[in-house]
């Protein structure tokens, strides 16, 4: 089984929030590796927004299992 990291974010902008989501191009060999990447991604995005004076409205990182044979 492989795991993928999904990141959903919404950051306050000048006029409207900048929101987006995506699936990491990396597939992780186990849940622990995916969870570590989720924590690093979360910390990195928080640090970047704090440094630029922006406000994070939503930041969600999740690891989902890919079934063998499932579409990428």
C-alpha atoms as a PDB file:
ATOM      1  CA  UNK A   1       0.000   0.000   0.000  1.00  0.00           C
ATOM      2  CA  UNK A   2       1.190   3.538  -0.720  1.00  0.00           C
ATOM      3  CA  UNK A   3       0.111   6.809   0.829  1.00  0.00           C
ATOM      4  CA  UNK A   4      -0.358  10.266  -0.691  1.00  0.00           C
ATOM      5  CA  UNK A   5      -0.401  13.637   1.017  1.00  0.00           C
ATOM      6  CA  UNK A   6      -3.280  16.002   0.318  1.00  0.00           C
ATOM      7  CA  UNK A   7      -2.877  19.656   1.266  1.00  0.00           C
ATOM      8  CA  UNK A   8      -5.762  22.108   1.406  1.00  0.00           C
ATOM      9  CA  UNK A   9      -5.008  25.728   2.222  1.00  0.00           C
ATOM     10  CA  UNK A  10      -6.704  29.077   2.327  1.00  0.00           C
ATOM     11  CA  UNK A  11      -4.665  32.195   3.095  1.00  0.00           C
ATOM     12  CA  UNK A  12      -6.057  35.708   3.508  1.00  0.00           C
ATOM     13  CA  UNK A  13      -5.028  37.972   0.643  1.00  0.00           C
ATOM     14  CA  UNK A  14      -5.421  41.669  -0.064  1.00  0.00           C
ATOM     15  CA  UNK A  15      -8.954  41.444  -1.406  1.00  0.00           C
ATOM     16  CA  UNK A  16      -9.947  37.789  -1.388  1.00  0.00           C
ATOM     17  CA  UNK A  17      -8.551  34.615   0.159  1.00  0.00           C
ATOM     18  CA  UNK A  18      -6.106  32.580  -1.931  1.00  0.00           C
ATOM     19  CA  UNK A  19      -7.344  29.011  -1.631  1.00  0.00           C
ATOM     20  CA  UNK A  20      -6.155  25.824  -3.216  1.00  0.00           C
ATOM     21  CA  UNK A  21      -5.618  22.139  -2.787  1.00  0.00           C
ATOM     22  CA  UNK A  22      -3.410  19.519  -4.260  1.00  0.00           C
ATOM     23  CA  UNK A  23      -2.039  16.034  -4.044  1.00  0.00           C
ATOM     24  CA  UNK A  24       1.664  15.611  -3.398  1.00  0.00           C
ATOM     25  CA  UNK A  25       3.488  14.101  -6.385  1.00  0.00           C
ATOM     26  CA  UNK A  26       5.342  11.877  -3.905  1.00  0.00           C
ATOM     27  CA  UNK A  27       3.899   8.542  -2.847  1.00  0.00           C
ATOM     28  CA  UNK A  28       5.043   7.481   0.590  1.00  0.00           C
ATOM     29  CA  UNK A  29       5.841   3.867   1.517  1.00  0.00           C
ATOM     30  CA  UNK A  30       3.956   3.953   4.815  1.00  0.00           C
ATOM     31  CA  UNK A  31       1.699   6.137   6.919  1.00  0.00           C
ATOM     32  CA  UNK A  32       4.511   7.319   9.208  1.00  0.00           C
ATOM     33  CA  UNK A  33       6.489   8.761   6.270  1.00  0.00           C
ATOM     34  CA  UNK A  34       3.378  10.524   4.960  1.00  0.00           C
ATOM     35  CA  UNK A  35       2.561  11.856   8.418  1.00  0.00           C
ATOM     36  CA  UNK A  36       6.102  13.256   8.773  1.00  0.00           C
ATOM     37  CA  UNK A  37       5.743  15.013   5.398  1.00  0.00           C
ATOM     38  CA  UNK A  38       2.375  16.432   6.497  1.00  0.00           C
ATOM     39  CA  UNK A  39       3.923  17.930   9.648  1.00  0.00           C
ATOM     40  CA  UNK A  40       6.838  19.426   7.677  1.00  0.00           C
ATOM     41  CA  UNK A  41       4.456  20.883   5.061  1.00  0.00           C
ATOM     42  CA  UNK A  42       2.224  22.368   7.738  1.00  0.00           C
ATOM     43  CA  UNK A  43       5.162  23.930   9.609  1.00  0.00           C
ATOM     44  CA  UNK A  44       6.709  25.266   6.394  1.00  0.00           C
ATOM     45  CA  UNK A  45       3.474  26.916   5.209  1.00  0.00           C
ATOM     46  CA  UNK A  46       2.815  28.424   8.661  1.00  0.00           C
ATOM     47  CA  UNK A  47       6.348  29.859   8.848  1.00  0.00           C
ATOM     48  CA  UNK A  48       6.085  31.355   5.337  1.00  0.00           C
ATOM     49  CA  UNK A  49       2.765  33.049   6.016  1.00  0.00           C
ATOM     50  CA  UNK A  50       3.932  34.364   9.398  1.00  0.00           C
ATOM     51  CA  UNK A  51       7.098  35.783   7.809  1.00  0.00           C
ATOM     52  CA  UNK A  52       5.088  37.582   5.127  1.00  0.00           C
ATOM     53  CA  UNK A  53       2.469  38.910   7.554  1.00  0.00           C
ATOM     54  CA  UNK A  54      -0.363  36.869   6.066  1.00  0.00           C
ATOM     55  CA  UNK A  55      -3.103  35.054   7.946  1.00  0.00           C
ATOM     56  CA  UNK A  56      -3.869  31.379   7.487  1.00  0.00           C
ATOM     57  CA  UNK A  57      -7.609  30.835   7.351  1.00  0.00           C
ATOM     58  CA  UNK A  58      -7.447  27.080   6.713  1.00  0.00           C
ATOM     59  CA  UNK A  59      -4.585  24.631   6.464  1.00  0.00           C
ATOM     60  CA  UNK A  60      -5.385  20.932   6.366  1.00  0.00           C
ATOM     61  CA  UNK A  61      -2.931  18.145   5.598  1.00  0.00           C
ATOM     62  CA  UNK A  62      -4.127  14.551   5.298  1.00  0.00           C
ATOM     63  CA  UNK A  63      -2.638  11.242   4.319  1.00  0.00           C
ATOM     64  CA  UNK A  64      -4.823   8.937   2.250  1.00  0.00           C
ATOM     65  CA  UNK A  65      -4.096   5.354   1.277  1.00  0.00           C
ATOM     66  CA  UNK A  66      -3.977   4.408  -2.379  1.00  0.00           C
ATOM     67  CA  UNK A  67      -5.366   0.989  -3.179  1.00  0.00           C
ATOM     68  CA  UNK A  68      -3.273  -1.189  -5.474  1.00  0.00           C
ATOM     69  CA  UNK A  69      -4.421  -0.587  -9.027  1.00  0.00           C
ATOM     70  CA  UNK A  70      -6.217   2.679  -8.230  1.00  0.00           C
ATOM     71  CA  UNK A  71      -5.786   5.565 -10.676  1.00  0.00           C
ATOM     72  CA  UNK A  72      -2.979   7.979  -9.786  1.00  0.00           C
END
